[in-house]
Amino acid sequence: TMTIAHLVFALMTTAYILIAIQFEERDLVTAFGRQYLDYKR
């Protein structure tokens, strides 16, 4: 059962995850360098 409130929640958390991935991957590149860049590619 998808209510409008749940839909807004799902959309917002999806957007949050997609944005958070960008920050997390930046940190992973800082931590692991070329190794993570190769994995990302």
PDB file of all heavy atoms in Angstrom:
ATOM      1  N   THR A   1       0.867  -1.178   0.000  1.00  0.00           N
ATOM      2  CA  THR A   1       0.000   0.000   0.000  1.00  0.00           C
ATOM      3  C   THR A   1       0.902   1.225   0.000  1.00  0.00           C
ATOM      4  O   THR A   1       1.670   1.447   0.940  1.00  0.00           O
ATOM      5  CB  THR A   1      -0.917   0.020   1.244  1.00  0.00           C
ATOM      6  OG1 THR A   1      -1.707  -1.170   1.249  1.00  0.00           O
ATOM      7  CG2 THR A   1      -1.823   1.240   1.235  1.00  0.00           C
ATOM      8  N   MET A   2       0.822   1.989  -1.074  1.00  0.00           N
ATOM      9  CA  MET A   2       1.663   3.182  -1.219  1.00  0.00           C
ATOM     10  C   MET A   2       0.779   4.412  -1.051  1.00  0.00           C
ATOM     11  O   MET A   2       0.014   4.769  -1.940  1.00  0.00           O
ATOM     12  CB  MET A   2       2.343   3.201  -2.591  1.00  0.00           C
ATOM     13  CG  MET A   2       3.231   4.407  -2.840  1.00  0.00           C
ATOM     14  SD  MET A   2       4.657   4.546  -1.742  1.00  0.00           S
ATOM     15  CE  MET A   2       5.776   3.361  -2.438  1.00  0.00           C
ATOM     16  N   THR A   3       0.886   5.026   0.117  1.00  0.00           N
ATOM     17  CA  THR A   3       0.169   6.272   0.369  1.00  0.00           C
ATOM     18  C   THR A   3       0.987   7.432  -0.196  1.00  0.00           C
ATOM     19  O   THR A   3       2.170   7.265  -0.526  1.00  0.00           O
ATOM     20  CB  THR A   3      -0.045   6.483   1.878  1.00  0.00           C
ATOM     21  OG1 THR A   3       1.242   6.611   2.494  1.00  0.00           O
ATOM     22  CG2 THR A   3      -0.822   5.319   2.495  1.00  0.00           C
ATOM     23  N   ILE A   4       0.381   8.585  -0.255  1.00  0.00           N
ATOM     24  CA  ILE A   4       1.121   9.760  -0.731  1.00  0.00           C
ATOM     25  C   ILE A   4       2.272  10.062   0.228  1.00  0.00           C
ATOM     26  O   ILE A   4       3.378  10.382  -0.211  1.00  0.00           O
ATOM     27  CB  ILE A   4       0.184  10.968  -0.907  1.00  0.00           C
ATOM     28  CG1 ILE A   4      -0.742  10.690  -2.079  1.00  0.00           C
ATOM     29  CG2 ILE A   4       0.966  12.256  -1.090  1.00  0.00           C
ATOM     30  CD1 ILE A   4      -1.631  11.800  -2.513  1.00  0.00           C
ATOM     31  N   ALA A   5       2.027   9.927   1.527  1.00  0.00           N
ATOM     32  CA  ALA A   5       3.093  10.177   2.510  1.00  0.00           C
ATOM     33  C   ALA A   5       4.249   9.197   2.313  1.00  0.00           C
ATOM     34  O   ALA A   5       5.416   9.593   2.361  1.00  0.00           O
ATOM     35  CB  ALA A   5       2.530  10.069   3.932  1.00  0.00           C
ATOM     36  N   HIS A   6       3.934   7.923   2.082  1.00  0.00           N
ATOM     37  CA  HIS A   6       4.998   6.935   1.872  1.00  0.00           C
ATOM     38  C   HIS A   6       5.728   7.225   0.562  1.00  0.00           C
ATOM     39  O   HIS A   6       6.953   7.073   0.489  1.00  0.00           O
ATOM     40  CB  HIS A   6       4.426   5.513   1.869  1.00  0.00           C
ATOM     41  CG  HIS A   6       5.467   4.449   1.864  1.00  0.00           C
ATOM     42  ND1 HIS A   6       5.565   3.492   2.825  1.00  0.00           N
ATOM     43  CD2 HIS A   6       6.504   4.190   1.007  1.00  0.00           C
ATOM     44  CE1 HIS A   6       6.581   2.688   2.571  1.00  0.00           C
ATOM     45  NE2 HIS A   6       7.156   3.108   1.459  1.00  0.00           N
ATOM     46  N   LEU A   7       4.988   7.649  -0.461  1.00  0.00           N
ATOM     47  CA  LEU A   7       5.609   7.985  -1.744  1.00  0.00           C
ATOM     48  C   LEU A   7       6.589   9.145  -1.575  1.00  0.00           C
ATOM     49  O   LEU A   7       7.717   9.095  -2.089  1.00  0.00           O
ATOM     50  CB  LEU A   7       4.550   8.321  -2.781  1.00  0.00           C
ATOM     51  CG  LEU A   7       5.078   8.741  -4.151  1.00  0.00           C
ATOM     52  CD1 LEU A   7       5.851   7.600  -4.808  1.00  0.00           C
ATOM     53  CD2 LEU A   7       3.941   9.199  -5.038  1.00  0.00           C
ATOM     54  N   VAL A   8       6.183  10.173  -0.848  1.00  0.00           N
ATOM     55  CA  VAL A   8       7.081  11.310  -0.613  1.00  0.00           C
ATOM     56  C   VAL A   8       8.316  10.837   0.150  1.00  0.00           C
ATOM     57  O   VAL A   8       9.441  11.204  -0.182  1.00  0.00           O
ATOM     58  CB  VAL A   8       6.349  12.450   0.144  1.00  0.00           C
ATOM     59  CG1 VAL A   8       7.324  13.512   0.625  1.00  0.00           C
ATOM     60  CG2 VAL A   8       5.280  13.058  -0.747  1.00  0.00           C
ATOM     61  N   PHE A   9       8.090   9.988   1.173  1.00  0.00           N
ATOM     62  CA  PHE A   9       9.205   9.429   1.931  1.00  0.00           C
ATOM     63  C   PHE A   9      10.141   8.645   1.013  1.00  0.00           C
ATOM     64  O   PHE A   9      11.368   8.820   1.060  1.00  0.00           O
ATOM     65  CB  PHE A   9       8.672   8.525   3.052  1.00  0.00           C
ATOM     66  CG  PHE A   9       9.738   7.745   3.755  1.00  0.00           C
ATOM     67  CD1 PHE A   9      10.564   8.349   4.690  1.00  0.00           C
ATOM     68  CD2 PHE A   9       9.928   6.401   3.484  1.00  0.00           C
ATOM     69  CE1 PHE A   9      11.557   7.636   5.341  1.00  0.00           C
ATOM     70  CE2 PHE A   9      10.916   5.671   4.127  1.00  0.00           C
ATOM     71  CZ  PHE A   9      11.732   6.289   5.061  1.00  0.00           C
ATOM     72  N   ALA A  10       9.591   7.772   0.175  1.00  0.00           N
ATOM     73  CA  ALA A  10      10.407   6.952  -0.726  1.00  0.00           C
ATOM     74  C   ALA A  10      11.181   7.824  -1.715  1.00  0.00           C
ATOM     75  O   ALA A  10      12.363   7.575  -1.981  1.00  0.00           O
ATOM     76  CB  ALA A  10       9.532   5.938  -1.461  1.00  0.00           C
ATOM     77  N   LEU A  11      10.536   8.835  -2.262  1.00  0.00           N
ATOM     78  CA  LEU A  11      11.212   9.736  -3.196  1.00  0.00           C
ATOM     79  C   LEU A  11      12.348  10.504  -2.510  1.00  0.00           C
ATOM     80  O   LEU A  11      13.452  10.615  -3.065  1.00  0.00           O
ATOM     81  CB  LEU A  11      10.213  10.718  -3.814  1.00  0.00           C
ATOM     82  CG  LEU A  11       9.248  10.134  -4.832  1.00  0.00           C
ATOM     83  CD1 LEU A  11       8.147  11.134  -5.155  1.00  0.00           C
ATOM     84  CD2 LEU A  11       9.985   9.724  -6.094  1.00  0.00           C
ATOM     85  N   MET A  12      12.076  11.023  -1.319  1.00  0.00           N
ATOM     86  CA  MET A  12      13.085  11.817  -0.612  1.00  0.00           C
ATOM     87  C   MET A  12      14.263  10.948  -0.164  1.00  0.00           C
ATOM     88  O   MET A  12      15.419  11.380  -0.270  1.00  0.00           O
ATOM     89  CB  MET A  12      12.458  12.540   0.586  1.00  0.00           C
ATOM     90  CG  MET A  12      11.401  13.571   0.194  1.00  0.00           C
ATOM     91  SD  MET A  12      11.994  14.803  -0.971  1.00  0.00           S
ATOM     92  CE  MET A  12      13.101  15.718   0.051  1.00  0.00           C
ATOM     93  N   THR A  13      13.985   9.758   0.329  1.00  0.00           N
ATOM     94  CA  THR A  13      15.096   8.904   0.754  1.00  0.00           C
ATOM     95  C   THR A  13      15.885   8.388  -0.437  1.00  0.00           C
ATOM     96  O   THR A  13      17.103   8.218  -0.343  1.00  0.00           O
ATOM     97  CB  THR A  13      14.604   7.728   1.625  1.00  0.00           C
ATOM     98  OG1 THR A  13      13.564   7.034   0.942  1.00  0.00           O
ATOM     99  CG2 THR A  13      14.105   8.217   2.981  1.00  0.00           C
ATOM    100  N   THR A  14      15.221   8.172  -1.560  1.00  0.00           N
ATOM    101  CA  THR A  14      15.933   7.782  -2.777  1.00  0.00           C
ATOM    102  C   THR A  14      16.864   8.910  -3.218  1.00  0.00           C
ATOM    103  O   THR A  14      18.037   8.675  -3.530  1.00  0.00           O
ATOM    104  CB  THR A  14      14.948   7.415  -3.892  1.00  0.00           C
ATOM    105  OG1 THR A  14      14.151   6.300  -3.467  1.00  0.00           O
ATOM    106  CG2 THR A  14      15.669   7.071  -5.184  1.00  0.00           C
ATOM    107  N   ALA A  15      16.354  10.136  -3.216  1.00  0.00           N
ATOM    108  CA  ALA A  15      17.189  11.286  -3.576  1.00  0.00           C
ATOM    109  C   ALA A  15      18.360  11.419  -2.600  1.00  0.00           C
ATOM    110  O   ALA A  15      19.504  11.653  -3.021  1.00  0.00           O
ATOM    111  CB  ALA A  15      16.352  12.565  -3.576  1.00  0.00           C
ATOM    112  N   TYR A  16      18.088  11.237  -1.311  1.00  0.00           N
ATOM    113  CA  TYR A  16      19.137  11.323  -0.296  1.00  0.00           C
ATOM    114  C   TYR A  16      20.229  10.286  -0.566  1.00  0.00           C
ATOM    115  O   TYR A  16      21.426  10.601  -0.513  1.00  0.00           O
ATOM    116  CB  TYR A  16      18.526  11.112   1.099  1.00  0.00           C
ATOM    117  CG  TYR A  16      19.549  11.104   2.196  1.00  0.00           C
ATOM    118  CD1 TYR A  16      20.002  12.290   2.756  1.00  0.00           C
ATOM    119  CD2 TYR A  16      20.080   9.912   2.674  1.00  0.00           C
ATOM    120  CE1 TYR A  16      20.953  12.295   3.767  1.00  0.00           C
ATOM    121  CE2 TYR A  16      21.033   9.902   3.680  1.00  0.00           C
ATOM    122  CZ  TYR A  16      21.467  11.097   4.223  1.00  0.00           C
ATOM    123  OH  TYR A  16      22.411  11.085   5.209  1.00  0.00           O
ATOM    124  N   ILE A  17      19.831   9.062  -0.865  1.00  0.00           N
ATOM    125  CA  ILE A  17      20.808   7.993  -1.136  1.00  0.00           C
ATOM    126  C   ILE A  17      21.639   8.340  -2.366  1.00  0.00           C
ATOM    127  O   ILE A  17      22.867   8.180  -2.359  1.00  0.00           O
ATOM    128  CB  ILE A  17      20.102   6.635  -1.289  1.00  0.00           C
ATOM    129  CG1 ILE A  17      19.705   6.111   0.098  1.00  0.00           C
ATOM    130  CG2 ILE A  17      20.986   5.624  -2.019  1.00  0.00           C
ATOM    131  CD1 ILE A  17      18.845   4.866   0.073  1.00  0.00           C
ATOM    132  N   LEU A  18      21.001   8.807  -3.428  1.00  0.00           N
ATOM    133  CA  LEU A  18      21.736   9.125  -4.656  1.00  0.00           C
ATOM    134  C   LEU A  18      22.730  10.261  -4.423  1.00  0.00           C
ATOM    135  O   LEU A  18      23.841  10.257  -4.983  1.00  0.00           O
ATOM    136  CB  LEU A  18      20.767   9.449  -5.781  1.00  0.00           C
ATOM    137  CG  LEU A  18      19.899   8.275  -6.242  1.00  0.00           C
ATOM    138  CD1 LEU A  18      18.878   8.729  -7.279  1.00  0.00           C
ATOM    139  CD2 LEU A  18      20.747   7.120  -6.764  1.00  0.00           C
ATOM    140  N   ILE A  19      22.369  11.221  -3.596  1.00  0.00           N
ATOM    141  CA  ILE A  19      23.299  12.305  -3.250  1.00  0.00           C
ATOM    142  C   ILE A  19      24.398  11.783  -2.322  1.00  0.00           C
ATOM    143  O   ILE A  19      25.580  12.073  -2.506  1.00  0.00           O
ATOM    144  CB  ILE A  19      22.543  13.491  -2.607  1.00  0.00           C
ATOM    145  CG1 ILE A  19      21.628  14.137  -3.665  1.00  0.00           C
ATOM    146  CG2 ILE A  19      23.506  14.507  -2.010  1.00  0.00           C
ATOM    147  CD1 ILE A  19      20.606  15.101  -3.099  1.00  0.00           C
ATOM    148  N   ALA A  20      24.005  10.988  -1.325  1.00  0.00           N
ATOM    149  CA  ALA A  20      24.975  10.455  -0.364  1.00  0.00           C
ATOM    150  C   ALA A  20      26.034   9.590  -1.046  1.00  0.00           C
ATOM    151  O   ALA A  20      27.197   9.607  -0.636  1.00  0.00           O
ATOM    152  CB  ALA A  20      24.257   9.649   0.715  1.00  0.00           C
ATOM    153  N   ILE A  21      25.635   8.861  -2.070  1.00  0.00           N
ATOM    154  CA  ILE A  21      26.597   8.019  -2.795  1.00  0.00           C
ATOM    155  C   ILE A  21      27.730   8.876  -3.369  1.00  0.00           C
ATOM    156  O   ILE A  21      28.896   8.483  -3.336  1.00  0.00           O
ATOM    157  CB  ILE A  21      25.897   7.202  -3.906  1.00  0.00           C
ATOM    158  CG1 ILE A  21      25.100   6.061  -3.279  1.00  0.00           C
ATOM    159  CG2 ILE A  21      26.910   6.666  -4.921  1.00  0.00           C
ATOM    160  CD1 ILE A  21      24.222   5.303  -4.275  1.00  0.00           C
ATOM    161  N   GLN A  22      27.390  10.060  -3.861  1.00  0.00           N
ATOM    162  CA  GLN A  22      28.415  10.935  -4.439  1.00  0.00           C
ATOM    163  C   GLN A  22      29.442  11.337  -3.376  1.00  0.00           C
ATOM    164  O   GLN A  22      30.650  11.313  -3.629  1.00  0.00           O
ATOM    165  CB  GLN A  22      27.772  12.179  -5.064  1.00  0.00           C
ATOM    166  CG  GLN A  22      26.693  11.882  -6.084  1.00  0.00           C
ATOM    167  CD  GLN A  22      27.103  10.866  -7.127  1.00  0.00           C
ATOM    168  OE1 GLN A  22      28.147  11.013  -7.764  1.00  0.00           O
ATOM    169  NE2 GLN A  22      26.294   9.839  -7.311  1.00  0.00           N
ATOM    170  N   PHE A  23      28.961  11.688  -2.187  1.00  0.00           N
ATOM    171  CA  PHE A  23      29.871  12.057  -1.096  1.00  0.00           C
ATOM    172  C   PHE A  23      30.669  10.848  -0.615  1.00  0.00           C
ATOM    173  O   PHE A  23      31.871  10.941  -0.355  1.00  0.00           O
ATOM    174  CB  PHE A  23      29.091  12.671   0.076  1.00  0.00           C
ATOM    175  CG  PHE A  23      28.581  14.050  -0.215  1.00  0.00           C
ATOM    176  CD1 PHE A  23      27.251  14.253  -0.527  1.00  0.00           C
ATOM    177  CD2 PHE A  23      29.433  15.135  -0.181  1.00  0.00           C
ATOM    178  CE1 PHE A  23      26.774  15.528  -0.797  1.00  0.00           C
ATOM    179  CE2 PHE A  23      28.976  16.422  -0.451  1.00  0.00           C
ATOM    180  CZ  PHE A  23      27.630  16.617  -0.762  1.00  0.00           C
ATOM    181  N   GLU A  24      29.992   9.715  -0.471  1.00  0.00           N
ATOM    182  CA  GLU A  24      30.679   8.508  -0.011  1.00  0.00           C
ATOM    183  C   GLU A  24      31.779   8.099  -0.986  1.00  0.00           C
ATOM    184  O   GLU A  24      32.887   7.756  -0.580  1.00  0.00           O
ATOM    185  CB  GLU A  24      29.684   7.361   0.156  1.00  0.00           C
ATOM    186  CG  GLU A  24      30.339   6.104   0.649  1.00  0.00           C
ATOM    187  CD  GLU A  24      29.355   4.959   0.847  1.00  0.00           C
ATOM    188  OE1 GLU A  24      28.144   5.149   0.699  1.00  0.00           O
ATOM    189  OE2 GLU A  24      29.831   3.857   1.155  1.00  0.00           O
ATOM    190  N   GLU A  25      31.472   8.156  -2.282  1.00  0.00           N
ATOM    191  CA  GLU A  25      32.484   7.755  -3.265  1.00  0.00           C
ATOM    192  C   GLU A  25      33.655   8.727  -3.275  1.00  0.00           C
ATOM    193  O   GLU A  25      34.789   8.310  -3.468  1.00  0.00           O
ATOM    194  CB  GLU A  25      31.850   7.593  -4.643  1.00  0.00           C
ATOM    195  CG  GLU A  25      30.959   6.374  -4.673  1.00  0.00           C
ATOM    196  CD  GLU A  25      30.678   5.851  -6.059  1.00  0.00           C
ATOM    197  OE1 GLU A  25      30.614   6.653  -7.015  1.00  0.00           O
ATOM    198  OE2 GLU A  25      30.525   4.620  -6.181  1.00  0.00           O
ATOM    199  N   ARG A  26      33.406   9.992  -3.052  1.00  0.00           N
ATOM    200  CA  ARG A  26      34.510  10.958  -2.955  1.00  0.00           C
ATOM    201  C   ARG A  26      35.426  10.578  -1.782  1.00  0.00           C
ATOM    202  O   ARG A  26      36.645  10.577  -1.912  1.00  0.00           O
ATOM    203  CB  ARG A  26      33.957  12.369  -2.788  1.00  0.00           C
ATOM    204  CG  ARG A  26      35.044  13.431  -2.769  1.00  0.00           C
ATOM    205  CD  ARG A  26      34.526  14.782  -2.432  1.00  0.00           C
ATOM    206  NE  ARG A  26      34.025  14.740  -1.061  1.00  0.00           N
ATOM    207  CZ  ARG A  26      33.184  15.619  -0.548  1.00  0.00           C
ATOM    208  NH1 ARG A  26      32.732  16.609  -1.284  1.00  0.00           N
ATOM    209  NH2 ARG A  26      32.785  15.520   0.706  1.00  0.00           N
ATOM    210  N   ASP A  27      34.804  10.223  -0.649  1.00  0.00           N
ATOM    211  CA  ASP A  27      35.590   9.805   0.513  1.00  0.00           C
ATOM    212  C   ASP A  27      36.338   8.497   0.247  1.00  0.00           C
ATOM    213  O   ASP A  27      37.469   8.317   0.704  1.00  0.00           O
ATOM    214  CB  ASP A  27      34.692   9.644   1.744  1.00  0.00           C
ATOM    215  CG  ASP A  27      34.148  10.970   2.236  1.00  0.00           C
ATOM    216  OD1 ASP A  27      34.675  12.029   1.832  1.00  0.00           O
ATOM    217  OD2 ASP A  27      33.174  10.950   3.027  1.00  0.00           O
ATOM    218  N   LEU A  28      35.720   7.577  -0.479  1.00  0.00           N
ATOM    219  CA  LEU A  28      36.375   6.306  -0.791  1.00  0.00           C
ATOM    220  C   LEU A  28      37.570   6.513  -1.716  1.00  0.00           C
ATOM    221  O   LEU A  28      38.594   5.841  -1.580  1.00  0.00           O
ATOM    222  CB  LEU A  28      35.371   5.324  -1.388  1.00  0.00           C
ATOM    223  CG  LEU A  28      34.339   4.784  -0.396  1.00  0.00           C
ATOM    224  CD1 LEU A  28      33.192   4.084  -1.131  1.00  0.00           C
ATOM    225  CD2 LEU A  28      34.991   3.845   0.605  1.00  0.00           C
ATOM    226  N   VAL A  29      37.443   7.450  -2.650  1.00  0.00           N
ATOM    227  CA  VAL A  29      38.579   7.770  -3.521  1.00  0.00           C
ATOM    228  C   VAL A  29      39.710   8.377  -2.684  1.00  0.00           C
ATOM    229  O   VAL A  29      40.880   8.032  -2.869  1.00  0.00           O
ATOM    230  CB  VAL A  29      38.156   8.724  -4.664  1.00  0.00           C
ATOM    231  CG1 VAL A  29      39.368   9.297  -5.386  1.00  0.00           C
ATOM    232  CG2 VAL A  29      37.233   8.011  -5.640  1.00  0.00           C
ATOM    233  N   THR A  30      39.354   9.235  -1.733  1.00  0.00           N
ATOM    234  CA  THR A  30      40.367   9.816  -0.851  1.00  0.00           C
ATOM    235  C   THR A  30      41.059   8.721  -0.034  1.00  0.00           C
ATOM    236  O   THR A  30      42.276   8.729   0.117  1.00  0.00           O
ATOM    237  CB  THR A  30      39.729  10.860   0.095  1.00  0.00           C
ATOM    238  OG1 THR A  30      39.151  11.894  -0.705  1.00  0.00           O
ATOM    239  CG2 THR A  30      40.756  11.449   1.046  1.00  0.00           C
ATOM    240  N   ALA A  31      40.279   7.778   0.465  1.00  0.00           N
ATOM    241  CA  ALA A  31      40.832   6.724   1.327  1.00  0.00           C
ATOM    242  C   ALA A  31      41.624   5.676   0.549  1.00  0.00           C
ATOM    243  O   ALA A  31      42.663   5.215   1.008  1.00  0.00           O
ATOM    244  CB  ALA A  31      39.712   6.045   2.112  1.00  0.00           C
ATOM    245  N   PHE A  32      41.131   5.302  -0.641  1.00  0.00           N
ATOM    246  CA  PHE A  32      41.725   4.156  -1.342  1.00  0.00           C
ATOM    247  C   PHE A  32      42.338   4.507  -2.696  1.00  0.00           C
ATOM    248  O   PHE A  32      42.931   3.646  -3.344  1.00  0.00           O
ATOM    249  CB  PHE A  32      40.677   3.046  -1.515  1.00  0.00           C
ATOM    250  CG  PHE A  32      40.149   2.520  -0.212  1.00  0.00           C
ATOM    251  CD1 PHE A  32      38.843   2.759   0.166  1.00  0.00           C
ATOM    252  CD2 PHE A  32      40.970   1.798   0.647  1.00  0.00           C
ATOM    253  CE1 PHE A  32      38.348   2.281   1.379  1.00  0.00           C
ATOM    254  CE2 PHE A  32      40.490   1.312   1.850  1.00  0.00           C
ATOM    255  CZ  PHE A  32      39.175   1.561   2.218  1.00  0.00           C
ATOM    256  N   GLY A  33      42.192   5.737  -3.146  1.00  0.00           N
ATOM    257  CA  GLY A  33      42.855   6.217  -4.352  1.00  0.00           C
ATOM    258  C   GLY A  33      42.551   5.442  -5.618  1.00  0.00           C
ATOM    259  O   GLY A  33      41.403   5.133  -5.926  1.00  0.00           O
ATOM    260  N   ARG A  34      43.623   5.123  -6.350  1.00  0.00           N
ATOM    261  CA  ARG A  34      43.529   4.456  -7.654  1.00  0.00           C
ATOM    262  C   ARG A  34      42.742   3.151  -7.561  1.00  0.00           C
ATOM    263  O   ARG A  34      41.993   2.803  -8.459  1.00  0.00           O
ATOM    264  CB  ARG A  34      44.943   4.206  -8.194  1.00  0.00           C
ATOM    265  CG  ARG A  34      45.037   3.378  -9.439  1.00  0.00           C
ATOM    266  CD  ARG A  34      44.442   3.983 -10.691  1.00  0.00           C
ATOM    267  NE  ARG A  34      44.888   5.318 -10.970  1.00  0.00           N
ATOM    268  CZ  ARG A  34      44.158   6.184 -11.689  1.00  0.00           C
ATOM    269  NH1 ARG A  34      43.012   5.847 -12.189  1.00  0.00           N
ATOM    270  NH2 ARG A  34      44.606   7.403 -11.907  1.00  0.00           N
ATOM    271  N   GLN A  35      42.896   2.441  -6.459  1.00  0.00           N
ATOM    272  CA  GLN A  35      42.213   1.162  -6.283  1.00  0.00           C
ATOM    273  C   GLN A  35      40.688   1.347  -6.375  1.00  0.00           C
ATOM    274  O   GLN A  35      40.005   0.586  -7.049  1.00  0.00           O
ATOM    275  CB  GLN A  35      42.608   0.569  -4.934  1.00  0.00           C
ATOM    276  CG  GLN A  35      42.282  -0.871  -4.751  1.00  0.00           C
ATOM    277  CD  GLN A  35      42.821  -1.406  -3.418  1.00  0.00           C
ATOM    278  OE1 GLN A  35      43.233  -0.659  -2.535  1.00  0.00           O
ATOM    279  NE2 GLN A  35      42.813  -2.704  -3.299  1.00  0.00           N
ATOM    280  N   TYR A  36      40.172   2.389  -5.720  1.00  0.00           N
ATOM    281  CA  TYR A  36      38.729   2.622  -5.780  1.00  0.00           C
ATOM    282  C   TYR A  36      38.326   3.192  -7.134  1.00  0.00           C
ATOM    283  O   TYR A  36      37.275   2.841  -7.672  1.00  0.00           O
ATOM    284  CB  TYR A  36      38.243   3.546  -4.649  1.00  0.00           C
ATOM    285  CG  TYR A  36      36.733   3.526  -4.598  1.00  0.00           C
ATOM    286  CD1 TYR A  36      36.062   2.491  -3.967  1.00  0.00           C
ATOM    287  CD2 TYR A  36      35.974   4.499  -5.250  1.00  0.00           C
ATOM    288  CE1 TYR A  36      34.679   2.424  -3.962  1.00  0.00           C
ATOM    289  CE2 TYR A  36      34.595   4.443  -5.251  1.00  0.00           C
ATOM    290  CZ  TYR A  36      33.953   3.410  -4.604  1.00  0.00           C
ATOM    291  OH  TYR A  36      32.581   3.332  -4.624  1.00  0.00           O
ATOM    292  N   LEU A  37      39.150   4.047  -7.710  1.00  0.00           N
ATOM    293  CA  LEU A  37      38.831   4.594  -9.031  1.00  0.00           C
ATOM    294  C   LEU A  37      38.715   3.479 -10.073  1.00  0.00           C
ATOM    295  O   LEU A  37      37.813   3.503 -10.915  1.00  0.00           O
ATOM    296  CB  LEU A  37      39.885   5.616  -9.459  1.00  0.00           C
ATOM    297  CG  LEU A  37      39.820   6.960  -8.747  1.00  0.00           C
ATOM    298  CD1 LEU A  37      41.055   7.787  -9.082  1.00  0.00           C
ATOM    299  CD2 LEU A  37      38.544   7.699  -9.094  1.00  0.00           C
ATOM    300  N   ASP A  38      39.614   2.508 -10.030  1.00  0.00           N
ATOM    301  CA  ASP A  38      39.541   1.374 -10.951  1.00  0.00           C
ATOM    302  C   ASP A  38      38.267   0.565 -10.728  1.00  0.00           C
ATOM    303  O   ASP A  38      37.598   0.166 -11.670  1.00  0.00           O
ATOM    304  CB  ASP A  38      40.770   0.470 -10.797  1.00  0.00           C
ATOM    305  CG  ASP A  38      42.047   1.123 -11.285  1.00  0.00           C
ATOM    306  OD1 ASP A  38      41.962   2.127 -12.026  1.00  0.00           O
ATOM    307  OD2 ASP A  38      43.133   0.642 -10.909  1.00  0.00           O
ATOM    308  N   TYR A  39      37.953   0.325  -9.465  1.00  0.00           N
ATOM    309  CA  TYR A  39      36.722  -0.392  -9.108  1.00  0.00           C
ATOM    310  C   TYR A  39      35.495   0.366  -9.614  1.00  0.00           C
ATOM    311  O   TYR A  39      34.576  -0.212 -10.192  1.00  0.00           O
ATOM    312  CB  TYR A  39      36.675  -0.555  -7.589  1.00  0.00           C
ATOM    313  CG  TYR A  39      35.399  -1.120  -7.026  1.00  0.00           C
ATOM    314  CD1 TYR A  39      34.983  -2.413  -7.324  1.00  0.00           C
ATOM    315  CD2 TYR A  39      34.606  -0.366  -6.174  1.00  0.00           C
ATOM    316  CE1 TYR A  39      33.819  -2.935  -6.787  1.00  0.00           C
ATOM    317  CE2 TYR A  39      33.453  -0.882  -5.631  1.00  0.00           C
ATOM    318  CZ  TYR A  39      33.058  -2.163  -5.941  1.00  0.00           C
ATOM    319  OH  TYR A  39      31.907  -2.668  -5.407  1.00  0.00           O
ATOM    320  N   LYS A  40      35.512   1.685  -9.443  1.00  0.00           N
ATOM    321  CA  LYS A  40      34.397   2.531  -9.877  1.00  0.00           C
ATOM    322  C   LYS A  40      34.222   2.477 -11.390  1.00  0.00           C
ATOM    323  O   LYS A  40      33.098   2.456 -11.896  1.00  0.00           O
ATOM    324  CB  LYS A  40      34.654   3.965  -9.412  1.00  0.00           C
ATOM    325  CG  LYS A  40      33.522   4.906  -9.652  1.00  0.00           C
ATOM    326  CD  LYS A  40      33.848   6.273  -9.072  1.00  0.00           C
ATOM    327  CE  LYS A  40      32.757   7.252  -9.404  1.00  0.00           C
ATOM    328  NZ  LYS A  40      33.045   8.587  -8.884  1.00  0.00           N
ATOM    329  N   ARG A  41      35.327   2.418 -12.118  1.00  0.00           N
ATOM    330  CA  ARG A  41      35.260   2.370 -13.583  1.00  0.00           C
ATOM    331  C   ARG A  41      34.692   1.051 -14.096  1.00  0.00           C
ATOM    332  O   ARG A  41      34.037   1.016 -15.119  1.00  0.00           O
ATOM    333  CB  ARG A  41      36.645   2.584 -14.184  1.00  0.00           C
ATOM    334  CG  ARG A  41      36.986   4.033 -14.378  1.00  0.00           C
ATOM    335  CD  ARG A  41      38.238   4.181 -15.229  1.00  0.00           C
ATOM    336  NE  ARG A  41      39.055   5.289 -14.853  1.00  0.00           N
ATOM    337  CZ  ARG A  41      39.800   5.421 -13.764  1.00  0.00           C
ATOM    338  NH1 ARG A  41      39.844   4.466 -12.894  1.00  0.00           N
ATOM    339  NH2 ARG A  41      40.509   6.488 -13.524  1.00  0.00           N
TER     340      ARG A  41
END
